[in-house]
Amino acid sequence: MPDQLIFGMEVVLNGLMAGVLYALVALGFVLIYKASGIFNYAQGVMALFAAMTLVGMMEGRVPFSHLINAIFGTEIHHFGWHLPGLAAVLLTMLIMVALAWIVNQLIFRHLVNQEPIILFMATIGLAYFLEGFGDMMWGSDIKKLDVGLPQGINLMIDETTFNIFGYGFFIDNLDLVATGVAALLVVALVIFAQYSKQGRAMRAVADDHQAALSVGISLNFIWVMVWSLAGFVALVAGIMWGTKSGVQFSLSLIALKALPVLMLGGFTSIPGAIVGGLIIGVGEKLFEFTVGPLVGGATENWFAYVLALLFLVFRPQGLFGEKIIERV
């Protein structure tokens, strides 16, 4: 088998793994958009905030230690204890649920039936506030996140592919774990949205706020529930990305890569977020592998957005999005 074909197969596999990580972030966007029609610009920052909070809990950091030390002249940074990974994850989940309730009470409860652009601007403000609040709470230094997930090359895949092709494929164990987690999340969320009472209420709220209120659906409950689910998805994405590349400011920028994923898969489709992520992941890796050397490389920075632009021109609702037909 030609070497280029073998290398191409490895590129495709790594692209699939990268696409899953993109899709994890896109899932949070889809959840909130399905329930409220809000494009949540803050989803990437929520992943960053969740990862920072998780590290802070695990390492026993004192929240707002820099502010406390500046005001009182102390040198307090740690409590002197460490939390186990599972306990820290559960505590961080509770914090994300509390954050969802606070966001709804202070912001979105007052913006019912406002124009989409106003809701979008509110999420931009929320994004910058959360980023600054997280830095003030936990510090802006680059943090290492380790919750016990396996990392490094998968030896079984490496040995198997070496025996078959004479060349071992490098597949990261963390990417395999992320794939499994994403698959479970998608199945659970689809079942929840399609078959549960709360899932049907969520879709009703997305269609018409006033009509949902008129049949007794609690808008506050639905929005808190959806933002809590999005916070949970952000926590999962933050764990995967934080473990892979460290918890730092650039983690919030993964939301930008989720935008082409949403444009391909559709803003209202949970399975579409996964399919869109896989297409973007594989597409950008293959494009870099085949065309990158001819144009000087670095095509991964812009390929996804060019592909998304083509979809906006020819199929703006995405592969799985609902086609909107307005009759006048």
C-alpha atoms as a PDB file:
ATOM      1  CA  MET A   1       0.000   0.000   0.000  1.00  0.00           C
ATOM      2  CA  PRO A   2       1.455   3.443  -0.921  1.00  0.00           C
ATOM      3  CA  ASP A   3       2.894   5.400   1.990  1.00  0.00           C
ATOM      4  CA  GLN A   4       0.807   8.482   1.162  1.00  0.00           C
ATOM      5  CA  LEU A   5      -2.407   6.474   1.433  1.00  0.00           C
ATOM      6  CA  ILE A   6      -1.354   5.064   4.804  1.00  0.00           C
ATOM      7  CA  PHE A   7      -0.474   8.540   6.092  1.00  0.00           C
ATOM      8  CA  GLY A   8      -3.804   9.790   4.753  1.00  0.00           C
ATOM      9  CA  MET A   9      -5.671   7.120   6.746  1.00  0.00           C
ATOM     10  CA  GLU A  10      -3.910   8.239   9.916  1.00  0.00           C
ATOM     11  CA  VAL A  11      -4.792  11.861   9.133  1.00  0.00           C
ATOM     12  CA  VAL A  12      -8.469  10.905   8.732  1.00  0.00           C
ATOM     13  CA  LEU A  13      -8.517   9.095  12.077  1.00  0.00           C
ATOM     14  CA  ASN A  14      -6.913  12.034  13.863  1.00  0.00           C
ATOM     15  CA  GLY A  15      -9.351  14.354  12.109  1.00  0.00           C
ATOM     16  CA  LEU A  16     -12.280  12.331  13.436  1.00  0.00           C
ATOM     17  CA  MET A  17     -10.875  12.612  16.957  1.00  0.00           C
ATOM     18  CA  ALA A  18     -10.391  16.392  16.628  1.00  0.00           C
ATOM     19  CA  GLY A  19     -13.901  16.721  15.208  1.00  0.00           C
ATOM     20  CA  VAL A  20     -15.378  15.087  18.290  1.00  0.00           C
ATOM     21  CA  LEU A  21     -13.744  17.715  20.505  1.00  0.00           C
ATOM     22  CA  TYR A  22     -15.163  20.497  18.312  1.00  0.00           C
ATOM     23  CA  ALA A  23     -18.577  18.868  18.487  1.00  0.00           C
ATOM     24  CA  LEU A  24     -18.529  18.786  22.291  1.00  0.00           C
ATOM     25  CA  VAL A  25     -18.412  22.583  22.334  1.00  0.00           C
ATOM     26  CA  ALA A  26     -21.026  22.869  19.566  1.00  0.00           C
ATOM     27  CA  LEU A  27     -23.469  20.769  21.613  1.00  0.00           C
ATOM     28  CA  GLY A  28     -23.743  23.536  24.202  1.00  0.00           C
ATOM     29  CA  PHE A  29     -24.649  26.058  21.495  1.00  0.00           C
ATOM     30  CA  VAL A  30     -27.318  23.728  20.071  1.00  0.00           C
ATOM     31  CA  LEU A  31     -28.952  23.088  23.455  1.00  0.00           C
ATOM     32  CA  ILE A  32     -29.431  26.764  24.263  1.00  0.00           C
ATOM     33  CA  TYR A  33     -30.466  27.701  20.727  1.00  0.00           C
ATOM     34  CA  LYS A  34     -33.065  24.905  20.601  1.00  0.00           C
ATOM     35  CA  ALA A  35     -34.657  26.046  23.846  1.00  0.00           C
ATOM     36  CA  SER A  36     -34.503  29.812  23.622  1.00  0.00           C
ATOM     37  CA  GLY A  37     -33.422  30.869  20.151  1.00  0.00           C
ATOM     38  CA  ILE A  38     -30.344  32.461  21.756  1.00  0.00           C
ATOM     39  CA  PHE A  39     -26.962  32.086  20.114  1.00  0.00           C
ATOM     40  CA  ASN A  40     -24.809  31.784  23.230  1.00  0.00           C
ATOM     41  CA  TYR A  41     -21.510  33.480  22.435  1.00  0.00           C
ATOM     42  CA  ALA A  42     -20.399  32.693  25.999  1.00  0.00           C
ATOM     43  CA  GLN A  43     -20.328  28.900  25.528  1.00  0.00           C
ATOM     44  CA  GLY A  44     -16.563  28.770  24.962  1.00  0.00           C
ATOM     45  CA  VAL A  45     -15.949  30.948  28.024  1.00  0.00           C
ATOM     46  CA  MET A  46     -18.251  28.693  30.035  1.00  0.00           C
ATOM     47  CA  ALA A  47     -15.956  25.776  29.123  1.00  0.00           C
ATOM     48  CA  LEU A  48     -12.956  27.842  30.259  1.00  0.00           C
ATOM     49  CA  PHE A  49     -14.674  28.897  33.498  1.00  0.00           C
ATOM     50  CA  ALA A  50     -15.709  25.302  34.264  1.00  0.00           C
ATOM     51  CA  ALA A  51     -12.168  24.021  33.675  1.00  0.00           C
ATOM     52  CA  MET A  52     -10.648  26.806  35.816  1.00  0.00           C
ATOM     53  CA  THR A  53     -13.101  26.082  38.634  1.00  0.00           C
ATOM     54  CA  LEU A  54     -12.355  22.359  38.432  1.00  0.00           C
ATOM     55  CA  VAL A  55      -8.600  22.939  38.691  1.00  0.00           C
ATOM     56  CA  GLY A  56      -9.122  25.372  41.557  1.00  0.00           C
ATOM     57  CA  MET A  57     -11.222  22.820  43.456  1.00  0.00           C
ATOM     58  CA  MET A  58      -8.794  19.971  42.856  1.00  0.00           C
ATOM     59  CA  GLU A  59      -5.749  21.987  43.920  1.00  0.00           C
ATOM     60  CA  GLY A  60      -7.454  23.580  46.937  1.00  0.00           C
ATOM     61  CA  ARG A  61      -6.911  27.118  45.668  1.00  0.00           C
ATOM     62  CA  VAL A  62      -8.417  30.005  47.612  1.00  0.00           C
ATOM     63  CA  PRO A  63     -10.924  31.843  45.387  1.00  0.00           C
ATOM     64  CA  PHE A  64     -10.081  35.526  44.824  1.00  0.00           C
ATOM     65  CA  SER A  65      -6.745  35.003  46.592  1.00  0.00           C
ATOM     66  CA  HIS A  66      -5.008  37.740  44.560  1.00  0.00           C
ATOM     67  CA  LEU A  67      -7.741  40.251  45.463  1.00  0.00           C
ATOM     68  CA  ILE A  68      -7.719  39.206  49.135  1.00  0.00           C
ATOM     69  CA  ASN A  69      -3.936  39.465  49.323  1.00  0.00           C
ATOM     70  CA  ALA A  70      -3.935  42.887  47.632  1.00  0.00           C
ATOM     71  CA  ILE A  71      -6.531  44.275  50.058  1.00  0.00           C
ATOM     72  CA  PHE A  72      -5.296  42.755  53.323  1.00  0.00           C
ATOM     73  CA  GLY A  73      -1.592  42.331  52.559  1.00  0.00           C
ATOM     74  CA  THR A  74      -1.716  38.575  53.159  1.00  0.00           C
ATOM     75  CA  GLU A  75      -0.025  35.731  51.244  1.00  0.00           C
ATOM     76  CA  ILE A  76      -2.830  33.185  51.092  1.00  0.00           C
ATOM     77  CA  HIS A  77      -3.096  31.040  47.969  1.00  0.00           C
ATOM     78  CA  HIS A  78      -4.091  27.482  48.994  1.00  0.00           C
ATOM     79  CA  PHE A  79      -6.207  25.870  51.691  1.00  0.00           C
ATOM     80  CA  GLY A  80      -3.596  23.143  52.139  1.00  0.00           C
ATOM     81  CA  TRP A  81      -5.751  20.249  50.865  1.00  0.00           C
ATOM     82  CA  HIS A  82      -6.613  18.667  47.522  1.00  0.00           C
ATOM     83  CA  LEU A  83      -9.957  17.273  46.343  1.00  0.00           C
ATOM     84  CA  PRO A  84     -10.199  13.960  44.450  1.00  0.00           C
ATOM     85  CA  GLY A  85     -11.059  14.366  40.772  1.00  0.00           C
ATOM     86  CA  LEU A  86     -14.587  12.908  41.014  1.00  0.00           C
ATOM     87  CA  ALA A  87     -15.539  15.055  44.017  1.00  0.00           C
ATOM     88  CA  ALA A  88     -14.181  18.163  42.267  1.00  0.00           C
ATOM     89  CA  VAL A  89     -16.155  17.357  39.104  1.00  0.00           C
ATOM     90  CA  LEU A  90     -19.405  16.950  41.073  1.00  0.00           C
ATOM     91  CA  LEU A  91     -18.795  20.190  42.972  1.00  0.00           C
ATOM     92  CA  THR A  92     -18.022  22.030  39.734  1.00  0.00           C
ATOM     93  CA  MET A  93     -21.287  20.699  38.250  1.00  0.00           C
ATOM     94  CA  LEU A  94     -23.181  22.222  41.173  1.00  0.00           C
ATOM     95  CA  ILE A  95     -21.399  25.524  40.594  1.00  0.00           C
ATOM     96  CA  MET A  96     -22.353  25.471  36.892  1.00  0.00           C
ATOM     97  CA  VAL A  97     -26.001  24.826  37.836  1.00  0.00           C
ATOM     98  CA  ALA A  98     -25.839  27.759  40.266  1.00  0.00           C
ATOM     99  CA  LEU A  99     -24.317  29.863  37.493  1.00  0.00           C
ATOM    100  CA  ALA A 100     -27.218  28.912  35.203  1.00  0.00           C
ATOM    101  CA  TRP A 101     -29.747  30.028  37.821  1.00  0.00           C
ATOM    102  CA  ILE A 102     -27.926  33.331  38.418  1.00  0.00           C
ATOM    103  CA  VAL A 103     -27.638  34.044  34.674  1.00  0.00           C
ATOM    104  CA  ASN A 104     -31.352  33.435  34.215  1.00  0.00           C
ATOM    105  CA  GLN A 105     -32.402  35.497  37.235  1.00  0.00           C
ATOM    106  CA  LEU A 106     -30.166  38.476  36.550  1.00  0.00           C
ATOM    107  CA  ILE A 107     -30.166  38.590  32.747  1.00  0.00           C
ATOM    108  CA  PHE A 108     -32.471  36.474  30.613  1.00  0.00           C
ATOM    109  CA  ARG A 109     -35.556  36.619  32.824  1.00  0.00           C
ATOM    110  CA  HIS A 110     -35.716  40.313  31.934  1.00  0.00           C
ATOM    111  CA  LEU A 111     -35.225  39.761  28.196  1.00  0.00           C
ATOM    112  CA  VAL A 112     -38.212  37.550  27.365  1.00  0.00           C
ATOM    113  CA  ASN A 113     -39.535  38.258  23.834  1.00  0.00           C
ATOM    114  CA  GLN A 114     -36.710  40.683  23.054  1.00  0.00           C
ATOM    115  CA  GLU A 115     -35.106  40.768  19.614  1.00  0.00           C
ATOM    116  CA  PRO A 116     -32.502  38.017  18.929  1.00  0.00           C
ATOM    117  CA  ILE A 117     -29.753  40.624  18.503  1.00  0.00           C
ATOM    118  CA  ILE A 118     -30.381  41.902  22.045  1.00  0.00           C
ATOM    119  CA  LEU A 119     -30.125  38.370  23.462  1.00  0.00           C
ATOM    120  CA  PHE A 120     -26.962  37.780  21.432  1.00  0.00           C
ATOM    121  CA  MET A 121     -25.372  40.991  22.760  1.00  0.00           C
ATOM    122  CA  ALA A 122     -26.279  39.872  26.284  1.00  0.00           C
ATOM    123  CA  THR A 123     -24.298  36.648  25.780  1.00  0.00           C
ATOM    124  CA  ILE A 124     -21.306  38.658  24.503  1.00  0.00           C
ATOM    125  CA  GLY A 125     -21.378  40.709  27.693  1.00  0.00           C
ATOM    126  CA  LEU A 126     -21.741  37.516  29.724  1.00  0.00           C
ATOM    127  CA  ALA A 127     -18.718  36.008  27.953  1.00  0.00           C
ATOM    128  CA  TYR A 128     -16.396  38.901  28.797  1.00  0.00           C
ATOM    129  CA  PHE A 129     -17.719  39.108  32.354  1.00  0.00           C
ATOM    130  CA  LEU A 130     -17.193  35.383  32.966  1.00  0.00           C
ATOM    131  CA  GLU A 131     -13.681  35.526  31.533  1.00  0.00           C
ATOM    132  CA  GLY A 132     -12.677  38.413  33.791  1.00  0.00           C
ATOM    133  CA  PHE A 133     -14.502  36.950  36.794  1.00  0.00           C
ATOM    134  CA  GLY A 134     -12.775  33.587  36.289  1.00  0.00           C
ATOM    135  CA  ASP A 135      -9.349  35.222  36.071  1.00  0.00           C
ATOM    136  CA  MET A 136     -10.062  37.239  39.219  1.00  0.00           C
ATOM    137  CA  MET A 137     -11.386  34.169  41.024  1.00  0.00           C
ATOM    138  CA  TRP A 138      -8.712  31.625  40.085  1.00  0.00           C
ATOM    139  CA  GLY A 139      -5.845  33.604  38.528  1.00  0.00           C
ATOM    140  CA  SER A 140      -4.840  33.932  34.889  1.00  0.00           C
ATOM    141  CA  ASP A 141      -1.863  31.560  34.977  1.00  0.00           C
ATOM    142  CA  ILE A 142      -1.810  28.479  32.739  1.00  0.00           C
ATOM    143  CA  LYS A 143      -3.117  25.536  34.756  1.00  0.00           C
ATOM    144  CA  LYS A 144      -2.566  21.814  34.316  1.00  0.00           C
ATOM    145  CA  LEU A 145      -5.725  19.709  34.481  1.00  0.00           C
ATOM    146  CA  ASP A 146      -5.464  16.016  35.330  1.00  0.00           C
ATOM    147  CA  VAL A 147      -8.603  14.132  36.381  1.00  0.00           C
ATOM    148  CA  GLY A 148      -7.104  10.724  35.679  1.00  0.00           C
ATOM    149  CA  LEU A 149      -8.073  10.391  32.019  1.00  0.00           C
ATOM    150  CA  PRO A 150      -5.690   8.241  29.944  1.00  0.00           C
ATOM    151  CA  GLN A 151      -3.344  10.166  27.676  1.00  0.00           C
ATOM    152  CA  GLY A 152      -0.634   9.376  25.167  1.00  0.00           C
ATOM    153  CA  ILE A 153      -0.469   6.984  22.248  1.00  0.00           C
ATOM    154  CA  ASN A 154      -2.817   4.012  22.180  1.00  0.00           C
ATOM    155  CA  LEU A 155      -0.423   1.072  21.996  1.00  0.00           C
ATOM    156  CA  MET A 156      -3.019  -1.425  20.789  1.00  0.00           C
ATOM    157  CA  ILE A 157      -3.904   0.696  17.750  1.00  0.00           C
ATOM    158  CA  ASP A 158      -0.235   1.420  17.164  1.00  0.00           C
ATOM    159  CA  GLU A 159       0.717  -2.273  17.204  1.00  0.00           C
ATOM    160  CA  THR A 160      -2.309  -3.385  15.162  1.00  0.00           C
ATOM    161  CA  THR A 161      -1.761  -0.856  12.395  1.00  0.00           C
ATOM    162  CA  PHE A 162       1.971  -1.577  12.381  1.00  0.00           C
ATOM    163  CA  ASN A 163       1.272  -5.283  11.849  1.00  0.00           C
ATOM    164  CA  ILE A 164      -1.180  -4.528   9.018  1.00  0.00           C
ATOM    165  CA  PHE A 165       0.460  -1.589   7.236  1.00  0.00           C
ATOM    166  CA  GLY A 166       4.024  -1.655   8.530  1.00  0.00           C
ATOM    167  CA  TYR A 167       3.382   1.770  10.058  1.00  0.00           C
ATOM    168  CA  GLY A 168       1.876   2.484  13.471  1.00  0.00           C
ATOM    169  CA  PHE A 169      -0.904   5.076  13.722  1.00  0.00           C
ATOM    170  CA  PHE A 170      -0.599   7.662  16.501  1.00  0.00           C
ATOM    171  CA  ILE A 171      -4.035   7.923  18.132  1.00  0.00           C
ATOM    172  CA  ASP A 172      -4.273   9.645  21.514  1.00  0.00           C
ATOM    173  CA  ASN A 173      -6.102   7.771  24.286  1.00  0.00           C
ATOM    174  CA  LEU A 174      -7.714  11.043  25.377  1.00  0.00           C
ATOM    175  CA  ASP A 175      -9.277  11.450  21.931  1.00  0.00           C
ATOM    176  CA  LEU A 176     -10.750   7.945  22.179  1.00  0.00           C
ATOM    177  CA  VAL A 177     -12.244   8.772  25.581  1.00  0.00           C
ATOM    178  CA  ALA A 178     -13.682  12.028  24.182  1.00  0.00           C
ATOM    179  CA  THR A 179     -15.270  10.076  21.331  1.00  0.00           C
ATOM    180  CA  GLY A 180     -16.980   7.701  23.739  1.00  0.00           C
ATOM    181  CA  VAL A 181     -18.171  10.521  25.991  1.00  0.00           C
ATOM    182  CA  ALA A 182     -19.513  12.517  23.041  1.00  0.00           C
ATOM    183  CA  ALA A 183     -21.420   9.496  21.741  1.00  0.00           C
ATOM    184  CA  LEU A 184     -23.053   8.936  25.143  1.00  0.00           C
ATOM    185  CA  LEU A 185     -23.924  12.644  25.438  1.00  0.00           C
ATOM    186  CA  VAL A 186     -25.557  12.739  22.022  1.00  0.00           C
ATOM    187  CA  VAL A 187     -27.656   9.647  22.672  1.00  0.00           C
ATOM    188  CA  ALA A 188     -28.749  10.933  26.087  1.00  0.00           C
ATOM    189  CA  LEU A 189     -29.572  14.424  24.808  1.00  0.00           C
ATOM    190  CA  VAL A 190     -31.522  13.145  21.795  1.00  0.00           C
ATOM    191  CA  ILE A 191     -33.596  10.832  24.016  1.00  0.00           C
ATOM    192  CA  PHE A 192     -34.170  13.684  26.475  1.00  0.00           C
ATOM    193  CA  ALA A 193     -35.196  16.211  23.781  1.00  0.00           C
ATOM    194  CA  GLN A 194     -37.483  13.842  21.870  1.00  0.00           C
ATOM    195  CA  TYR A 195     -39.157  11.716  24.529  1.00  0.00           C
ATOM    196  CA  SER A 196     -39.180  13.548  27.859  1.00  0.00           C
ATOM    197  CA  LYS A 197     -41.825  16.028  29.002  1.00  0.00           C
ATOM    198  CA  GLN A 198     -39.141  18.631  29.707  1.00  0.00           C
ATOM    199  CA  GLY A 199     -37.623  18.083  26.251  1.00  0.00           C
ATOM    200  CA  ARG A 200     -40.975  18.740  24.545  1.00  0.00           C
ATOM    201  CA  ALA A 201     -41.457  21.808  26.716  1.00  0.00           C
ATOM    202  CA  MET A 202     -37.989  22.976  25.690  1.00  0.00           C
ATOM    203  CA  ARG A 203     -38.918  22.801  22.008  1.00  0.00           C
ATOM    204  CA  ALA A 204     -42.205  24.603  22.673  1.00  0.00           C
ATOM    205  CA  VAL A 205     -40.383  27.479  24.388  1.00  0.00           C
ATOM    206  CA  ALA A 206     -38.029  27.765  21.409  1.00  0.00           C
ATOM    207  CA  ASP A 207     -40.972  28.060  18.986  1.00  0.00           C
ATOM    208  CA  ASP A 208     -42.903  30.746  20.869  1.00  0.00           C
ATOM    209  CA  HIS A 209     -42.263  32.124  24.371  1.00  0.00           C
ATOM    210  CA  GLN A 210     -45.736  33.570  24.855  1.00  0.00           C
ATOM    211  CA  ALA A 211     -47.542  30.480  23.560  1.00  0.00           C
ATOM    212  CA  ALA A 212     -45.464  28.282  25.883  1.00  0.00           C
ATOM    213  CA  LEU A 213     -46.342  30.510  28.839  1.00  0.00           C
ATOM    214  CA  SER A 214     -50.049  30.400  27.915  1.00  0.00           C
ATOM    215  CA  VAL A 215     -50.173  26.587  28.251  1.00  0.00           C
ATOM    216  CA  GLY A 216     -48.506  26.630  31.653  1.00  0.00           C
ATOM    217  CA  ILE A 217     -44.854  25.993  30.765  1.00  0.00           C
ATOM    218  CA  SER A 218     -42.493  27.718  33.178  1.00  0.00           C
ATOM    219  CA  LEU A 219     -40.077  29.744  31.079  1.00  0.00           C
ATOM    220  CA  ASN A 220     -37.743  30.285  34.040  1.00  0.00           C
ATOM    221  CA  PHE A 221     -37.528  26.556  34.775  1.00  0.00           C
ATOM    222  CA  ILE A 222     -36.862  25.652  31.138  1.00  0.00           C
ATOM    223  CA  TRP A 223     -34.133  28.255  30.731  1.00  0.00           C
ATOM    224  CA  VAL A 224     -32.412  27.295  33.990  1.00  0.00           C
ATOM    225  CA  MET A 225     -32.582  23.637  32.965  1.00  0.00           C
ATOM    226  CA  VAL A 226     -31.164  24.312  29.509  1.00  0.00           C
ATOM    227  CA  TRP A 227     -28.376  26.573  30.754  1.00  0.00           C
ATOM    228  CA  SER A 228     -27.558  23.917  33.357  1.00  0.00           C
ATOM    229  CA  LEU A 229     -27.311  21.272  30.610  1.00  0.00           C
ATOM    230  CA  ALA A 230     -25.166  23.630  28.544  1.00  0.00           C
ATOM    231  CA  GLY A 231     -22.998  24.206  31.603  1.00  0.00           C
ATOM    232  CA  PHE A 232     -22.585  20.441  32.018  1.00  0.00           C
ATOM    233  CA  VAL A 233     -21.599  20.098  28.351  1.00  0.00           C
ATOM    234  CA  ALA A 234     -19.188  23.027  28.811  1.00  0.00           C
ATOM    235  CA  LEU A 235     -17.655  21.222  31.793  1.00  0.00           C
ATOM    236  CA  VAL A 236     -17.140  18.050  29.744  1.00  0.00           C
ATOM    237  CA  ALA A 237     -15.614  20.049  26.887  1.00  0.00           C
ATOM    238  CA  GLY A 238     -13.458  21.995  29.342  1.00  0.00           C
ATOM    239  CA  ILE A 239     -12.154  18.764  30.881  1.00  0.00           C
ATOM    240  CA  MET A 240     -11.246  17.294  27.486  1.00  0.00           C
ATOM    241  CA  TRP A 241      -9.677  20.434  26.055  1.00  0.00           C
ATOM    242  CA  GLY A 242      -8.061  21.444  29.355  1.00  0.00           C
ATOM    243  CA  THR A 243      -6.493  18.014  29.758  1.00  0.00           C
ATOM    244  CA  LYS A 244      -5.262  18.122  26.169  1.00  0.00           C
ATOM    245  CA  SER A 245      -3.805  21.625  25.995  1.00  0.00           C
ATOM    246  CA  GLY A 246      -3.896  23.094  29.502  1.00  0.00           C
ATOM    247  CA  VAL A 247      -6.390  25.494  31.050  1.00  0.00           C
ATOM    248  CA  GLN A 248      -5.594  28.899  29.585  1.00  0.00           C
ATOM    249  CA  PHE A 249      -7.213  31.848  27.819  1.00  0.00           C
ATOM    250  CA  SER A 250      -7.061  30.174  24.397  1.00  0.00           C
ATOM    251  CA  LEU A 251      -9.518  27.553  25.670  1.00  0.00           C
ATOM    252  CA  SER A 252     -12.325  30.094  25.295  1.00  0.00           C
ATOM    253  CA  LEU A 253     -11.465  30.517  21.602  1.00  0.00           C
ATOM    254  CA  ILE A 254     -12.613  26.974  20.789  1.00  0.00           C
ATOM    255  CA  ALA A 255     -16.068  28.534  20.519  1.00  0.00           C
ATOM    256  CA  LEU A 256     -14.911  30.159  17.281  1.00  0.00           C
ATOM    257  CA  LYS A 257     -14.142  26.740  15.781  1.00  0.00           C
ATOM    258  CA  ALA A 258     -17.587  25.568  16.860  1.00  0.00           C
ATOM    259  CA  LEU A 259     -19.239  28.155  14.598  1.00  0.00           C
ATOM    260  CA  PRO A 260     -18.435  26.345  11.325  1.00  0.00           C
ATOM    261  CA  VAL A 261     -19.537  23.110  12.999  1.00  0.00           C
ATOM    262  CA  LEU A 262     -22.940  24.644  13.714  1.00  0.00           C
ATOM    263  CA  MET A 263     -23.261  26.045  10.208  1.00  0.00           C
ATOM    264  CA  LEU A 264     -22.657  22.611   8.741  1.00  0.00           C
ATOM    265  CA  GLY A 265     -24.742  20.566  11.169  1.00  0.00           C
ATOM    266  CA  GLY A 266     -27.503  23.084  11.806  1.00  0.00           C
ATOM    267  CA  PHE A 267     -28.168  25.198  14.888  1.00  0.00           C
ATOM    268  CA  THR A 268     -31.115  23.053  16.034  1.00  0.00           C
ATOM    269  CA  SER A 269     -29.775  19.523  15.554  1.00  0.00           C
ATOM    270  CA  ILE A 270     -27.931  17.626  18.294  1.00  0.00           C
ATOM    271  CA  PRO A 271     -26.751  14.823  15.941  1.00  0.00           C
ATOM    272  CA  GLY A 272     -25.886  17.564  13.437  1.00  0.00           C
ATOM    273  CA  ALA A 273     -23.372  19.022  15.900  1.00  0.00           C
ATOM    274  CA  ILE A 274     -21.515  15.711  15.930  1.00  0.00           C
ATOM    275  CA  VAL A 275     -21.659  15.200  12.158  1.00  0.00           C
ATOM    276  CA  GLY A 276     -20.599  18.806  11.556  1.00  0.00           C
ATOM    277  CA  GLY A 277     -17.701  18.408  13.974  1.00  0.00           C
ATOM    278  CA  LEU A 278     -16.513  15.245  12.243  1.00  0.00           C
ATOM    279  CA  ILE A 279     -16.718  16.883   8.813  1.00  0.00           C
ATOM    280  CA  ILE A 280     -14.742  19.913   9.998  1.00  0.00           C
ATOM    281  CA  GLY A 281     -12.174  17.783  11.845  1.00  0.00           C
ATOM    282  CA  VAL A 282     -11.530  15.414   8.941  1.00  0.00           C
ATOM    283  CA  GLY A 283     -11.803  18.132   6.313  1.00  0.00           C
ATOM    284  CA  GLU A 284      -9.244  20.477   7.826  1.00  0.00           C
ATOM    285  CA  LYS A 285      -6.743  17.673   8.486  1.00  0.00           C
ATOM    286  CA  LEU A 286      -7.069  16.233   4.978  1.00  0.00           C
ATOM    287  CA  PHE A 287      -6.894  19.683   3.383  1.00  0.00           C
ATOM    288  CA  GLU A 288      -3.734  20.489   5.330  1.00  0.00           C
ATOM    289  CA  PHE A 289      -2.264  17.107   4.371  1.00  0.00           C
ATOM    290  CA  THR A 290      -3.034  17.359   0.648  1.00  0.00           C
ATOM    291  CA  VAL A 291      -3.181  21.075  -0.201  1.00  0.00           C
ATOM    292  CA  GLY A 292      -1.281  22.642   2.712  1.00  0.00           C
ATOM    293  CA  PRO A 293       2.219  21.941   1.348  1.00  0.00           C
ATOM    294  CA  LEU A 294       1.245  23.562  -1.972  1.00  0.00           C
ATOM    295  CA  VAL A 295       0.061  26.859  -0.435  1.00  0.00           C
ATOM    296  CA  GLY A 296       2.522  27.239   2.420  1.00  0.00           C
ATOM    297  CA  GLY A 297       0.580  25.398   5.163  1.00  0.00           C
ATOM    298  CA  ALA A 298      -1.493  26.788   8.046  1.00  0.00           C
ATOM    299  CA  THR A 299      -4.730  25.973   6.183  1.00  0.00           C
ATOM    300  CA  GLU A 300      -6.331  24.608   9.379  1.00  0.00           C
ATOM    301  CA  ASN A 301      -6.781  28.215  10.538  1.00  0.00           C
ATOM    302  CA  TRP A 302      -9.196  29.110   7.735  1.00  0.00           C
ATOM    303  CA  PHE A 303     -10.432  25.959   5.985  1.00  0.00           C
ATOM    304  CA  ALA A 304     -13.408  25.441   8.337  1.00  0.00           C
ATOM    305  CA  TYR A 305     -14.665  28.995   7.797  1.00  0.00           C
ATOM    306  CA  VAL A 306     -14.416  28.773   4.009  1.00  0.00           C
ATOM    307  CA  LEU A 307     -16.371  25.503   4.089  1.00  0.00           C
ATOM    308  CA  ALA A 308     -18.973  27.103   6.368  1.00  0.00           C
ATOM    309  CA  LEU A 309     -19.255  30.063   3.982  1.00  0.00           C
ATOM    310  CA  LEU A 310     -20.067  27.673   1.117  1.00  0.00           C
ATOM    311  CA  PHE A 311     -22.788  26.074   3.242  1.00  0.00           C
ATOM    312  CA  LEU A 312     -24.232  29.507   4.067  1.00  0.00           C
ATOM    313  CA  VAL A 313     -24.527  30.255   0.365  1.00  0.00           C
ATOM    314  CA  PHE A 314     -26.041  26.952  -0.778  1.00  0.00           C
ATOM    315  CA  ARG A 315     -27.689  25.475   2.349  1.00  0.00           C
ATOM    316  CA  PRO A 316     -27.938  28.096   5.126  1.00  0.00           C
ATOM    317  CA  GLN A 317     -29.902  25.824   7.486  1.00  0.00           C
ATOM    318  CA  GLY A 318     -27.092  23.242   7.522  1.00  0.00           C
ATOM    319  CA  LEU A 319     -27.263  19.520   6.847  1.00  0.00           C
ATOM    320  CA  PHE A 320     -29.708  18.725   9.648  1.00  0.00           C
ATOM    321  CA  GLY A 321     -31.221  22.118  10.422  1.00  0.00           C
ATOM    322  CA  GLU A 322     -34.892  22.845   9.971  1.00  0.00           C
ATOM    323  CA  LYS A 323     -35.702  24.745   6.795  1.00  0.00           C
ATOM    324  CA  ILE A 324     -37.658  27.844   7.750  1.00  0.00           C
ATOM    325  CA  ILE A 325     -40.580  28.680   5.448  1.00  0.00           C
ATOM    326  CA  GLU A 326     -42.450  31.907   6.066  1.00  0.00           C
ATOM    327  CA  ARG A 327     -45.790  32.477   4.393  1.00  0.00           C
ATOM    328  CA  VAL A 328     -46.944  36.022   3.896  1.00  0.00           C
END
